[in-house]
């Protein structure tokens, strides 16, 4: 991994990089506070995560425009991580960020980038859709000013709806104004800065309402003291590490998947394909720096990265400028930031949550079949009712199940015919093995344990009409089989033996031949009936076919 700071900026594009960095830095202030609010921690931890995550990751990522921020999905995992049960919840949060970063760095060094492709669309669609719903449900208390109670967000939603009379009208007004402004300003030239303007206007309305009515709207200063300047470093708590391993792995998984999507969707400066593993390391560095400087866990953000590109960024200098802008705002405008209204931030998050629900993607999964639809539905339900760190791991497990199911269903057995002119022809296998004939079978697909029942079901039946037949199973192109498949071949060989026939196997890979021997098939059918293929396609098969014809001829004489 080569890091060259001289390529981080260009004098020719300095103006565009500074301008796009200012846009992202200003937009990130309310966004970062909202992320902290969504995570149920000190909102300033979200702000610090945005600031230091951006800068720390920018030094290492291959994607020059990857904005590493506290994403909504990661914030919800933090919310469910049980930090309140730790002796020092704030320090546990910072420890969680550092631990998440370490997992990400290890994943990058282990070159685990290719594993991200194993996460199926059905799992991600169910997860992201539930995240959107969870975001909306999680902000109902801040939006309405009613302190809801319940074991999870669904129960809290019902509690909010059952106590409409306890809602703060002023809070609802502020949140509604913010939502309406975001929706309207998004369609104008203001673009992403509309988020900032909407939160500012909503907060100004909150100040005015607090002056005129006796039902005050909660502001950031009511929750936490907003310091002037940057936070002092803090060391992680080793005592909290065992309790935080599962949420750290879940956070790393989410961050890496989202980061891979950013890598694939955001162009690089030189047009080369991004290095996903290097981006993993960059996200890990951002998390470690965030945790050491009192920030929350962060990951690659498509929204922040898109803002950079759309506002004209040309190099990664824009990321450093964005971090510097956030630092300046904390130094110069901390008193103003303290007046940010919580219902305004809740309104911003509700818009984000609704935007995360993509009906078109849900429809695509439904159209792809009942199994992906079921996987998506289960992932969605689990994400709503159980803590997210476990829902993430469950989703990954469901993804593995879906992959195994799809691969096992792709196994197909074909009959191979040797023509007199030397050509090979394939057809569907017969229903049963014909008597006194040589039948060549070629399986296609992955022949691992889950494929065994599908493979066995497609084998032609051996019955009383199959006397003196020899079946050749050709495993060309198969580089590994399981003991379950060897057991199927042993049973098939026994059935053929009972009718006076036999089984031969042609395999090109030494590993497959070793597995046949380890499973006992070689001893059952004899070493002479296991053929090692060569680089000449069809040569060994013809030899096995000729031997089979000779054996059938000898039996008839």
Protein backbone atom coordinates (compact mmCIF):
# COMPACT_ATOMS: atom_id res chain seq x y z
CA UNK A 1 0.00 0.00 0.00
CA UNK A 2 1.67 3.20 -1.22
CA UNK A 3 0.71 6.53 0.35
CA UNK A 4 1.88 9.63 -1.51
CA UNK A 5 0.69 12.94 0.06
CA UNK A 6 1.97 14.80 -3.01
CA UNK A 7 -0.95 13.36 -4.97
CA UNK A 8 -3.54 14.52 -2.43
CA UNK A 9 -4.07 17.89 -4.04
CA UNK A 10 -3.38 19.94 -7.16
CA UNK A 11 -2.95 23.69 -7.51
CA UNK A 12 -5.12 23.61 -10.62
CA UNK A 13 -8.10 22.22 -8.70
CA UNK A 14 -7.48 23.93 -5.36
CA UNK A 15 -10.53 26.22 -5.64
CA UNK A 16 -12.96 23.42 -6.47
CA UNK A 17 -11.61 21.19 -3.71
CA UNK A 18 -11.90 23.95 -1.11
CA UNK A 19 -15.45 24.81 -2.16
CA UNK A 20 -16.65 21.19 -2.10
CA UNK A 21 -14.92 20.67 1.26
CA UNK A 22 -16.74 23.70 2.71
CA UNK A 23 -20.07 22.34 1.46
CA UNK A 24 -19.46 18.91 3.02
CA UNK A 25 -18.07 20.38 6.25
CA UNK A 26 -21.06 22.66 6.81
CA UNK A 27 -23.55 19.93 5.91
CA UNK A 28 -21.80 17.44 8.19
CA UNK A 29 -22.40 19.47 11.38
CA UNK A 30 -26.17 18.86 11.66
CA UNK A 31 -25.73 15.44 10.05
CA UNK A 32 -23.14 14.41 12.63
CA UNK A 33 -25.27 15.64 15.52
CA UNK A 34 -28.21 13.69 14.09
CA UNK A 35 -26.11 10.53 13.87
CA UNK A 36 -25.20 10.83 17.55
CA UNK A 37 -28.85 11.39 18.39
CA UNK A 38 -29.84 8.35 16.35
CA UNK A 39 -27.26 6.24 18.18
CA UNK A 40 -28.65 7.32 21.54
CA UNK A 41 -25.30 8.76 22.64
CA UNK A 42 -23.89 12.24 23.15
CA UNK A 43 -24.67 13.98 19.82
CA UNK A 44 -21.19 15.50 19.89
CA UNK A 45 -19.78 11.97 19.51
CA UNK A 46 -21.48 11.86 16.11
CA UNK A 47 -19.97 15.21 15.19
CA UNK A 48 -16.49 14.11 16.27
CA UNK A 49 -16.94 10.82 14.40
CA UNK A 50 -17.71 12.74 11.22
CA UNK A 51 -14.74 15.07 11.67
CA UNK A 52 -12.02 12.59 12.59
CA UNK A 53 -13.40 9.71 10.56
CA UNK A 54 -13.13 11.84 7.42
CA UNK A 55 -9.56 12.91 8.10
CA UNK A 56 -8.24 9.57 9.40
CA UNK A 57 -9.64 7.57 6.49
CA UNK A 58 -8.60 10.09 3.83
CA UNK A 59 -4.94 9.27 4.52
CA UNK A 60 -5.31 5.61 3.50
CA UNK A 61 -8.29 4.94 1.20
CA UNK A 62 -7.79 4.26 -2.49
CA UNK A 63 -11.10 6.00 -3.24
CA UNK A 64 -10.17 9.68 -3.05
CA UNK A 65 -13.78 10.76 -2.57
CA UNK A 66 -14.84 8.23 0.08
CA UNK A 67 -16.39 10.18 2.95
CA UNK A 68 -16.16 8.08 6.11
CA UNK A 69 -18.96 9.14 8.44
CA UNK A 70 -21.35 7.75 11.04
CA UNK A 71 -23.96 6.05 8.84
CA UNK A 72 -27.54 5.45 9.93
CA UNK A 73 -27.17 1.67 9.96
CA UNK A 74 -24.06 1.85 12.13
CA UNK A 75 -25.69 4.38 14.46
CA UNK A 76 -28.59 2.00 15.08
CA UNK A 77 -26.19 -0.84 15.93
CA UNK A 78 -24.50 1.46 18.43
CA UNK A 79 -27.94 2.25 19.86
CA UNK A 80 -28.57 -1.47 20.45
CA UNK A 81 -25.08 -2.28 21.74
CA UNK A 82 -26.04 -1.89 25.42
CA UNK A 83 -23.49 0.80 26.19
CA UNK A 84 -25.63 2.06 29.08
CA UNK A 85 -24.89 -1.14 30.96
CA UNK A 86 -21.15 -0.44 30.97
CA UNK A 87 -19.54 1.35 33.97
CA UNK A 88 -18.55 4.31 31.76
CA UNK A 89 -20.90 4.43 28.73
CA UNK A 90 -19.01 7.26 27.01
CA UNK A 91 -15.67 5.49 27.23
CA UNK A 92 -17.31 2.25 26.10
CA UNK A 93 -18.51 4.09 22.99
CA UNK A 94 -14.98 5.27 22.19
CA UNK A 95 -13.65 1.77 22.84
CA UNK A 96 -16.25 0.37 20.46
CA UNK A 97 -15.06 2.74 17.71
CA UNK A 98 -11.42 1.72 18.19
CA UNK A 99 -12.33 -1.98 18.29
CA UNK A 100 -14.40 -1.61 15.11
CA UNK A 101 -11.43 0.07 13.44
CA UNK A 102 -9.11 -2.76 14.43
CA UNK A 103 -11.50 -5.34 12.94
CA UNK A 104 -11.67 -3.33 9.72
CA UNK A 105 -7.89 -3.02 9.45
CA UNK A 106 -7.50 -6.77 10.01
CA UNK A 107 -10.10 -7.42 7.30
CA UNK A 108 -8.21 -5.18 4.91
CA UNK A 109 -4.83 -6.77 5.64
CA UNK A 110 -6.41 -10.22 5.26
CA UNK A 111 -7.73 -9.11 1.85
CA UNK A 112 -11.32 -9.90 2.78
CA UNK A 113 -12.75 -7.53 0.18
CA UNK A 114 -13.98 -10.33 -2.05
CA UNK A 115 -16.14 -11.70 0.79
CA UNK A 116 -18.42 -8.67 0.54
CA UNK A 117 -19.74 -9.98 -2.77
CA UNK A 118 -21.23 -12.95 -0.92
CA UNK A 119 -23.84 -10.72 0.76
CA UNK A 120 -26.96 -11.31 -1.36
CA UNK A 121 -29.26 -8.54 -2.49
CA UNK A 122 -32.21 -10.10 -0.64
CA UNK A 123 -30.41 -9.81 2.72
CA UNK A 124 -29.21 -6.25 2.10
CA UNK A 125 -32.63 -5.13 0.87
CA UNK A 126 -34.38 -6.52 3.93
CA UNK A 127 -31.74 -5.05 6.23
CA UNK A 128 -31.64 -1.56 4.67
CA UNK A 129 -35.44 -1.40 4.49
CA UNK A 130 -35.73 -2.29 8.18
CA UNK A 131 -33.00 0.25 8.97
CA UNK A 132 -35.12 2.94 7.30
CA UNK A 133 -38.17 1.92 9.31
CA UNK A 134 -36.10 1.77 12.49
CA UNK A 135 -34.76 5.28 11.89
CA UNK A 136 -38.28 6.68 11.60
CA UNK A 137 -39.56 4.76 14.64
CA UNK A 138 -36.52 5.73 16.69
CA UNK A 139 -37.12 9.46 16.17
CA UNK A 140 -40.81 9.59 17.10
CA UNK A 141 -39.96 10.55 20.70
CA UNK A 142 -37.73 13.45 19.68
CA UNK A 143 -40.21 14.53 17.00
CA UNK A 144 -43.22 14.56 19.33
CA UNK A 145 -41.47 15.59 22.54
CA UNK A 146 -42.95 12.56 24.34
CA UNK A 147 -40.55 10.22 26.17
CA UNK A 148 -41.77 6.86 24.86
CA UNK A 149 -41.24 3.61 26.75
CA UNK A 150 -40.87 0.09 25.46
CA UNK A 151 -38.44 -2.79 25.00
CA UNK A 152 -37.88 -2.01 21.32
CA UNK A 153 -38.75 0.61 18.74
CA UNK A 154 -42.01 -1.04 17.72
CA UNK A 155 -43.33 -0.98 21.28
CA UNK A 156 -42.16 2.60 21.68
CA UNK A 157 -44.07 3.52 18.53
CA UNK A 158 -47.28 2.10 19.98
CA UNK A 159 -46.60 3.97 23.22
CA UNK A 160 -46.22 7.23 21.29
CA UNK A 161 -49.46 6.66 19.36
CA UNK A 162 -51.35 5.81 22.53
CA UNK A 163 -50.30 9.07 24.20
CA UNK A 164 -51.05 11.66 21.54
CA UNK A 165 -52.41 13.92 24.28
CA UNK A 166 -48.91 14.06 25.79
CA UNK A 167 -47.24 15.27 22.58
CA UNK A 168 -45.51 18.64 22.56
CA UNK A 169 -47.27 20.71 19.89
CA UNK A 170 -44.25 23.01 19.65
CA UNK A 171 -41.92 20.05 18.99
CA UNK A 172 -44.22 18.67 16.30
CA UNK A 173 -44.36 22.10 14.63
CA UNK A 174 -40.55 22.40 14.60
CA UNK A 175 -40.09 18.86 13.23
CA UNK A 176 -42.76 19.32 10.57
CA UNK A 177 -41.29 22.63 9.38
CA UNK A 178 -37.87 20.97 9.08
CA UNK A 179 -39.22 18.05 7.05
CA UNK A 180 -41.16 20.33 4.69
CA UNK A 181 -38.13 22.55 4.11
CA UNK A 182 -35.86 19.57 3.37
CA UNK A 183 -38.34 18.21 0.82
CA UNK A 184 -38.76 21.60 -0.88
CA UNK A 185 -35.11 22.71 -0.83
CA UNK A 186 -33.87 19.40 -2.23
CA UNK A 187 -35.51 20.31 -5.52
CA UNK A 188 -33.72 23.66 -5.75
CA UNK A 189 -30.16 24.77 -6.48
CA UNK A 190 -29.47 24.74 -2.77
CA UNK A 191 -29.15 20.94 -2.96
CA UNK A 192 -27.40 19.31 0.00
CA UNK A 193 -27.11 22.61 1.87
CA UNK A 194 -30.89 22.45 2.14
CA UNK A 195 -30.37 20.05 5.06
CA UNK A 196 -28.37 22.69 6.89
CA UNK A 197 -30.86 25.47 6.11
CA UNK A 198 -33.81 23.33 7.18
CA UNK A 199 -32.21 22.49 10.54
CA UNK A 200 -31.24 26.16 11.06
CA UNK A 201 -34.77 27.39 10.31
CA UNK A 202 -36.29 24.66 12.49
CA UNK A 203 -33.96 25.59 15.35
CA UNK A 204 -34.80 29.31 15.00
CA UNK A 205 -38.50 28.39 15.18
CA UNK A 206 -37.74 26.39 18.34
CA UNK A 207 -36.06 29.42 19.96
CA UNK A 208 -39.06 31.60 19.16
CA UNK A 209 -41.55 29.01 20.37
CA UNK A 210 -39.61 28.59 23.60
CA UNK A 211 -39.98 32.33 24.18
CA UNK A 212 -43.74 32.34 23.56
CA UNK A 213 -45.08 29.06 24.92
CA UNK A 214 -44.66 27.22 28.18
CA UNK A 215 -43.89 23.91 26.48
CA UNK A 216 -40.19 24.28 25.60
CA UNK A 217 -38.65 22.51 22.63
CA UNK A 218 -35.59 20.45 23.60
CA UNK A 219 -32.32 21.83 22.29
CA UNK A 220 -28.82 20.37 22.14
CA UNK A 221 -27.70 22.50 25.11
CA UNK A 222 -30.42 20.84 27.23
CA UNK A 223 -28.77 17.45 26.68
CA UNK A 224 -25.06 18.17 26.67
CA UNK A 225 -22.66 21.04 27.10
CA UNK A 226 -21.18 22.02 23.76
CA UNK A 227 -17.48 22.74 24.34
CA UNK A 228 -15.53 25.35 22.42
CA UNK A 229 -12.66 23.59 20.63
CA UNK A 230 -11.55 20.06 19.91
CA UNK A 231 -11.86 17.11 22.32
CA UNK A 232 -8.92 15.76 24.31
CA UNK A 233 -7.73 12.21 23.49
CA UNK A 234 -8.97 9.26 25.53
CA UNK A 235 -7.66 5.71 25.76
CA UNK A 236 -10.00 2.75 25.18
CA UNK A 237 -11.17 0.61 28.10
CA UNK A 238 -9.75 -2.90 27.88
CA UNK A 239 -12.30 -4.14 30.42
CA UNK A 240 -15.13 -3.35 27.96
CA UNK A 241 -13.58 -5.25 25.02
CA UNK A 242 -15.17 -8.71 25.69
CA UNK A 243 -18.68 -7.19 25.87
CA UNK A 244 -18.12 -5.14 22.71
CA UNK A 245 -16.67 -7.76 20.37
CA UNK A 246 -20.02 -8.79 18.81
CA UNK A 247 -21.23 -5.23 18.11
CA UNK A 248 -17.74 -4.33 16.83
CA UNK A 249 -17.81 -7.20 14.32
CA UNK A 250 -21.35 -6.23 13.27
CA UNK A 251 -20.35 -2.59 12.85
CA UNK A 252 -17.29 -3.58 10.85
CA UNK A 253 -19.42 -5.80 8.61
CA UNK A 254 -21.92 -3.01 7.91
CA UNK A 255 -19.21 -0.43 7.38
CA UNK A 256 -17.29 -2.66 5.01
CA UNK A 257 -20.36 -3.54 2.93
CA UNK A 258 -21.40 0.10 2.68
CA UNK A 259 -17.81 1.13 1.99
CA UNK A 260 -17.57 -1.42 -0.83
CA UNK A 261 -20.70 0.10 -2.36
CA UNK A 262 -19.07 3.54 -2.18
CA UNK A 263 -15.85 2.19 -3.74
CA UNK A 264 -17.82 0.72 -6.63
CA UNK A 265 -20.12 3.72 -7.14
CA UNK A 266 -17.77 6.67 -6.68
CA UNK A 267 -15.06 7.27 -9.34
CA UNK A 268 -11.36 7.39 -8.47
CA UNK A 269 -9.14 10.31 -9.45
CA UNK A 270 -7.09 8.36 -11.99
CA UNK A 271 -9.96 6.22 -13.26
CA UNK A 272 -8.42 2.98 -11.98
CA UNK A 273 -10.55 0.38 -10.18
CA UNK A 274 -10.58 1.04 -6.40
CA UNK A 275 -8.71 -1.23 -4.01
CA UNK A 276 -11.45 -2.50 -1.70
CA UNK A 277 -8.97 -3.89 0.82
CA UNK A 278 -7.14 -0.58 1.04
CA UNK A 279 -10.49 1.14 1.58
CA UNK A 280 -11.13 -1.29 4.45
CA UNK A 281 -7.85 -0.20 6.04
CA UNK A 282 -8.77 3.45 5.53
CA UNK A 283 -12.14 3.02 7.24
CA UNK A 284 -10.38 1.23 10.08
CA UNK A 285 -7.95 4.12 10.49
CA UNK A 286 -10.88 6.55 10.55
CA UNK A 287 -12.56 4.55 13.31
CA UNK A 288 -9.41 4.32 15.42
CA UNK A 289 -8.81 8.07 15.19
CA UNK A 290 -12.51 8.74 15.89
CA UNK A 291 -12.49 6.54 18.99
CA UNK A 292 -9.27 8.02 20.37
CA UNK A 293 -10.76 11.53 20.00
CA UNK A 294 -14.19 10.76 21.53
CA UNK A 295 -16.06 9.96 18.33
CA UNK A 296 -18.48 7.16 17.48
CA UNK A 297 -17.95 4.31 14.94
CA UNK A 298 -17.94 5.38 11.29
CA UNK A 299 -17.97 3.83 7.82
CA UNK A 300 -18.05 4.68 4.15
CA UNK A 301 -21.01 6.96 3.42
CA UNK A 302 -22.57 7.08 -0.03
CA UNK A 303 -24.41 10.31 0.84
CA UNK A 304 -21.28 12.17 1.96
CA UNK A 305 -19.24 10.84 -0.96
CA UNK A 306 -21.93 11.89 -3.43
CA UNK A 307 -21.97 15.41 -1.97
CA UNK A 308 -18.23 15.71 -2.61
CA UNK A 309 -18.49 14.56 -6.21
CA UNK A 310 -21.59 16.62 -7.00
CA UNK A 311 -20.05 19.77 -5.52
CA UNK A 312 -17.02 19.48 -7.81
CA UNK A 313 -14.25 17.86 -5.74
CA UNK A 314 -11.21 16.80 -7.77
CA UNK A 315 -8.83 15.39 -5.15
CA UNK A 316 -8.93 14.05 -1.58
CA UNK A 317 -7.91 17.52 -0.34
CA UNK A 318 -11.67 18.22 -0.15
CA UNK A 319 -11.95 15.70 2.71
CA UNK A 320 -9.29 17.47 4.75
CA UNK A 321 -10.96 20.82 4.08
CA UNK A 322 -14.30 19.41 5.28
CA UNK A 323 -12.67 18.27 8.53
CA UNK A 324 -11.05 21.69 8.99
CA UNK A 325 -14.39 23.47 8.39
CA UNK A 326 -16.06 21.37 11.09
CA UNK A 327 -13.22 22.18 13.50
CA UNK A 328 -13.54 25.92 12.78
CA UNK A 329 -17.29 25.77 13.39
CA UNK A 330 -16.69 24.12 16.76
CA UNK A 331 -14.20 26.82 17.69
CA UNK A 332 -16.13 29.82 16.40
CA UNK A 333 -19.80 28.80 16.57
CA UNK A 334 -20.15 26.35 19.45
CA UNK A 335 -22.64 28.67 21.17
CA UNK A 336 -24.81 28.65 18.04
CA UNK A 337 -24.54 24.86 17.64
CA UNK A 338 -25.86 24.51 21.20
CA UNK A 339 -29.23 25.92 20.08
CA UNK A 340 -29.86 23.18 17.49
CA UNK A 341 -33.37 21.83 18.16
CA UNK A 342 -33.73 18.09 18.70
CA UNK A 343 -37.08 17.89 16.81
CA UNK A 344 -35.30 19.51 13.84
CA UNK A 345 -32.64 16.79 13.88
CA UNK A 346 -35.40 14.20 14.29
CA UNK A 347 -37.13 15.61 11.20
CA UNK A 348 -33.90 15.32 9.23
CA UNK A 349 -33.50 11.69 10.29
CA UNK A 350 -37.10 10.85 9.46
CA UNK A 351 -36.51 12.08 5.91
CA UNK A 352 -33.34 9.97 5.75
CA UNK A 353 -35.21 6.92 7.04
CA UNK A 354 -38.04 7.25 4.54
CA UNK A 355 -35.48 7.67 1.75
CA UNK A 356 -33.80 4.39 2.74
CA UNK A 357 -36.95 2.43 1.84
CA UNK A 358 -36.73 1.61 -1.88
CA UNK A 359 -39.97 0.02 -3.17
CA UNK A 360 -38.33 -0.76 -6.53
CA UNK A 361 -35.61 -2.87 -4.89
CA UNK A 362 -38.17 -4.68 -2.75
CA UNK A 363 -40.22 -5.43 -5.85
CA UNK A 364 -37.12 -6.74 -7.66
CA UNK A 365 -36.41 -9.20 -4.86
CA UNK A 366 -40.04 -10.35 -4.78
CA UNK A 367 -39.95 -10.96 -8.52
CA UNK A 368 -36.76 -13.03 -8.21
CA UNK A 369 -38.55 -15.89 -6.43
CA UNK A 370 -40.04 -17.14 -3.14
CA UNK A 371 -36.73 -18.07 -1.48
CA UNK A 372 -35.10 -14.60 -1.83
CA UNK A 373 -38.41 -13.04 -0.79
CA UNK A 374 -38.53 -15.18 2.35
CA UNK A 375 -34.90 -14.34 3.18
CA UNK A 376 -35.64 -10.63 2.74
CA UNK A 377 -38.76 -10.85 4.93
CA UNK A 378 -36.96 -12.73 7.70
CA UNK A 379 -34.05 -10.27 7.65
CA UNK A 380 -36.51 -7.37 7.80
CA UNK A 381 -38.41 -8.88 10.73
CA UNK A 382 -35.28 -9.75 12.70
CA UNK A 383 -33.85 -6.28 12.22
CA UNK A 384 -37.01 -4.76 13.64
CA UNK A 385 -37.39 -6.92 16.74
CA UNK A 386 -33.91 -7.95 17.91
CA UNK A 387 -30.77 -5.89 18.65
CA UNK A 388 -29.13 -4.88 15.40
CA UNK A 389 -25.72 -6.38 16.16
CA UNK A 390 -27.38 -9.81 16.25
CA UNK A 391 -29.65 -9.02 13.31
CA UNK A 392 -26.56 -8.21 11.21
CA UNK A 393 -24.95 -11.54 12.03
CA UNK A 394 -28.25 -13.35 11.45
CA UNK A 395 -28.54 -11.62 8.08
CA UNK A 396 -25.05 -12.79 7.16
CA UNK A 397 -26.06 -16.34 8.15
CA UNK A 398 -29.21 -16.11 6.03
CA UNK A 399 -27.04 -14.93 3.16
CA UNK A 400 -24.93 -18.07 3.48
CA UNK A 401 -28.09 -20.21 3.53
CA UNK A 402 -29.40 -18.48 0.41
CA UNK A 403 -26.07 -18.94 -1.36
CA UNK A 404 -25.92 -22.64 -0.45
CA UNK A 405 -29.53 -23.16 -1.53
CA UNK A 406 -28.98 -21.43 -4.87
CA UNK A 407 -25.74 -23.31 -5.56
CA UNK A 408 -27.24 -26.69 -4.68
CA UNK A 409 -30.20 -26.11 -6.99
CA UNK A 410 -27.84 -25.42 -9.91
CA UNK A 411 -26.49 -28.97 -10.01
CA UNK A 412 -27.46 -30.68 -13.25
CA UNK A 413 -26.63 -34.18 -14.51
CA UNK A 414 -26.27 -34.75 -18.26
CA UNK A 415 -25.73 -37.91 -20.32
CA UNK A 416 -22.66 -37.88 -22.61
CA UNK A 417 -22.62 -39.85 -25.88
CA UNK A 418 -19.42 -40.74 -27.79
CA UNK A 419 -20.17 -40.44 -31.49
CA UNK A 420 -18.41 -42.57 -34.12
CA UNK A 421 -16.70 -39.47 -35.56
CA UNK A 422 -15.11 -38.71 -32.16
CA UNK A 423 -17.40 -35.88 -31.12
CA UNK A 424 -19.12 -35.72 -27.72
CA UNK A 425 -22.87 -35.12 -27.56
CA UNK A 426 -24.94 -34.36 -24.45
CA UNK A 427 -28.58 -35.09 -23.69
CA UNK A 428 -30.90 -35.50 -20.74
CA UNK A 429 -30.10 -38.72 -18.86
CA UNK A 430 -32.56 -41.64 -19.19
CA UNK A 431 -35.05 -42.37 -16.42
CA UNK A 432 -33.30 -45.66 -15.65
CA UNK A 433 -29.96 -47.25 -16.49
CA UNK A 434 -30.37 -49.36 -19.69
CA UNK A 435 -29.35 -53.04 -19.51
CA UNK A 436 -26.06 -54.11 -21.07
CA UNK A 437 -25.08 -50.55 -21.98
CA UNK A 438 -22.41 -48.06 -21.01
CA UNK A 439 -23.94 -44.85 -19.65
CA UNK A 440 -21.76 -41.75 -19.21
CA UNK A 441 -22.99 -39.13 -16.75
CA UNK A 442 -21.55 -35.62 -16.43
CA UNK A 443 -22.62 -33.50 -13.43
CA UNK A 444 -22.40 -29.71 -13.64
CA UNK A 445 -22.35 -27.32 -10.71
CA UNK A 446 -20.83 -27.26 -7.26
CA UNK A 447 -20.81 -30.76 -5.75
CA UNK A 448 -20.61 -29.90 -2.07
CA UNK A 449 -22.68 -31.43 0.76
CA UNK A 450 -25.86 -29.41 0.17
CA UNK A 451 -25.87 -30.44 -3.50
CA UNK A 452 -25.81 -34.16 -2.71
CA UNK A 453 -29.60 -34.74 -2.53
CA UNK A 454 -30.11 -32.84 -5.80
CA UNK A 455 -27.36 -34.84 -7.51
CA UNK A 456 -28.66 -38.18 -6.22
CA UNK A 457 -32.20 -37.39 -7.31
CA UNK A 458 -31.04 -36.79 -10.90
CA UNK A 459 -29.16 -40.08 -11.21
CA UNK A 460 -30.94 -42.63 -13.46
CA UNK A 461 -32.68 -45.35 -11.46
CA UNK A 462 -31.00 -48.75 -11.15
CA UNK A 463 -33.65 -51.51 -11.30
CA UNK A 464 -34.11 -55.09 -12.48
CA UNK A 465 -33.98 -53.90 -16.10
CA UNK A 466 -30.46 -52.51 -15.61
CA UNK A 467 -28.54 -55.80 -15.69
CA UNK A 468 -24.88 -55.84 -16.81
CA UNK A 469 -24.80 -52.05 -17.23
CA UNK A 470 -21.76 -49.90 -16.48
CA UNK A 471 -22.09 -46.26 -15.51
CA UNK A 472 -19.18 -43.83 -15.93
CA UNK A 473 -19.39 -40.67 -13.81
CA UNK A 474 -17.22 -37.98 -15.36
CA UNK A 475 -16.00 -35.34 -12.90
CA UNK A 476 -14.05 -33.17 -15.31
CA UNK A 477 -14.10 -29.55 -14.14
CA UNK A 478 -14.86 -30.56 -10.55
CA UNK A 479 -12.05 -29.56 -8.21
CA UNK A 480 -13.56 -30.68 -4.90
CA UNK A 481 -16.28 -33.01 -3.62
CA UNK A 482 -17.57 -33.83 -0.17
CA UNK A 483 -17.86 -37.13 1.64
CA UNK A 484 -21.63 -36.91 1.24
CA UNK A 485 -21.23 -37.17 -2.54
CA UNK A 486 -18.77 -40.05 -2.15
CA UNK A 487 -21.40 -41.88 -0.07
CA UNK A 488 -23.94 -41.38 -2.87
CA UNK A 489 -21.50 -42.85 -5.40
CA UNK A 490 -20.82 -45.82 -3.09
CA UNK A 491 -24.55 -46.55 -2.80
CA UNK A 492 -24.94 -46.20 -6.56
CA UNK A 493 -22.02 -48.56 -7.16
CA UNK A 494 -23.60 -51.13 -4.81
CA UNK A 495 -26.92 -50.93 -6.69
CA UNK A 496 -25.12 -51.48 -10.00
CA UNK A 497 -23.15 -54.41 -8.55
CA UNK A 498 -26.36 -56.12 -7.42
CA UNK A 499 -27.58 -56.09 -11.05
CA UNK A 500 -24.30 -57.41 -12.41
CA UNK A 501 -22.98 -54.02 -13.49
CA UNK A 502 -20.42 -51.59 -12.17
CA UNK A 503 -19.32 -47.99 -11.71
CA UNK A 504 -16.33 -46.13 -13.08
CA UNK A 505 -15.20 -42.59 -12.24
CA UNK A 506 -13.13 -40.22 -14.38
CA UNK A 507 -11.64 -37.25 -12.50
CA UNK A 508 -9.04 -34.72 -13.60
CA UNK A 509 -8.09 -33.27 -10.20
CA UNK A 510 -5.77 -35.12 -7.82
CA UNK A 511 -7.69 -33.71 -4.87
CA UNK A 512 -10.92 -35.31 -6.10
CA UNK A 513 -9.21 -38.68 -6.56
CA UNK A 514 -7.79 -38.41 -3.03
CA UNK A 515 -11.27 -37.65 -1.67
CA UNK A 516 -12.70 -40.68 -3.49
CA UNK A 517 -10.06 -42.81 -1.80
CA UNK A 518 -10.60 -41.20 1.61
CA UNK A 519 -14.33 -41.84 1.37
CA UNK A 520 -13.79 -45.53 0.57
CA UNK A 521 -15.14 -45.50 -3.00
CA UNK A 522 -11.79 -46.50 -4.53
CA UNK A 523 -11.68 -49.62 -2.33
CA UNK A 524 -15.31 -50.45 -3.16
CA UNK A 525 -15.05 -50.28 -6.97
CA UNK A 526 -11.34 -51.01 -7.31
CA UNK A 527 -8.49 -48.68 -8.15
CA UNK A 528 -8.61 -49.73 -11.83
CA UNK A 529 -12.09 -48.17 -12.09
CA UNK A 530 -10.88 -44.71 -11.03
CA UNK A 531 -9.31 -42.88 -13.97
CA UNK A 532 -7.05 -39.84 -13.74
CA UNK A 533 -7.84 -37.41 -16.54
CA UNK A 534 -5.23 -35.61 -18.64
CA UNK A 535 -5.02 -32.31 -20.45
CA UNK A 536 -6.44 -34.00 -23.54
CA UNK A 537 -10.19 -33.48 -23.33
CA UNK A 538 -12.11 -36.73 -23.80
CA UNK A 539 -9.01 -38.99 -24.06
CA UNK A 540 -9.37 -40.62 -20.62
CA UNK A 541 -13.15 -40.84 -21.03
CA UNK A 542 -12.74 -42.79 -24.25
CA UNK A 543 -10.33 -45.15 -22.54
CA UNK A 544 -12.79 -45.75 -19.69
CA UNK A 545 -15.58 -46.24 -22.23
CA UNK A 546 -13.54 -48.81 -24.17
CA UNK A 547 -12.71 -50.69 -20.96
CA UNK A 548 -16.41 -50.73 -20.02
CA UNK A 549 -17.38 -52.16 -23.42
CA UNK A 550 -14.73 -54.88 -23.05
CA UNK A 551 -16.06 -55.81 -19.59
CA UNK A 552 -19.64 -56.06 -20.88
CA UNK A 553 -18.43 -58.17 -23.80
CA UNK A 554 -16.51 -60.51 -21.49
CA UNK A 555 -19.64 -61.06 -19.37
CA UNK A 556 -21.70 -62.01 -22.40
CA UNK A 557 -19.17 -64.54 -23.66
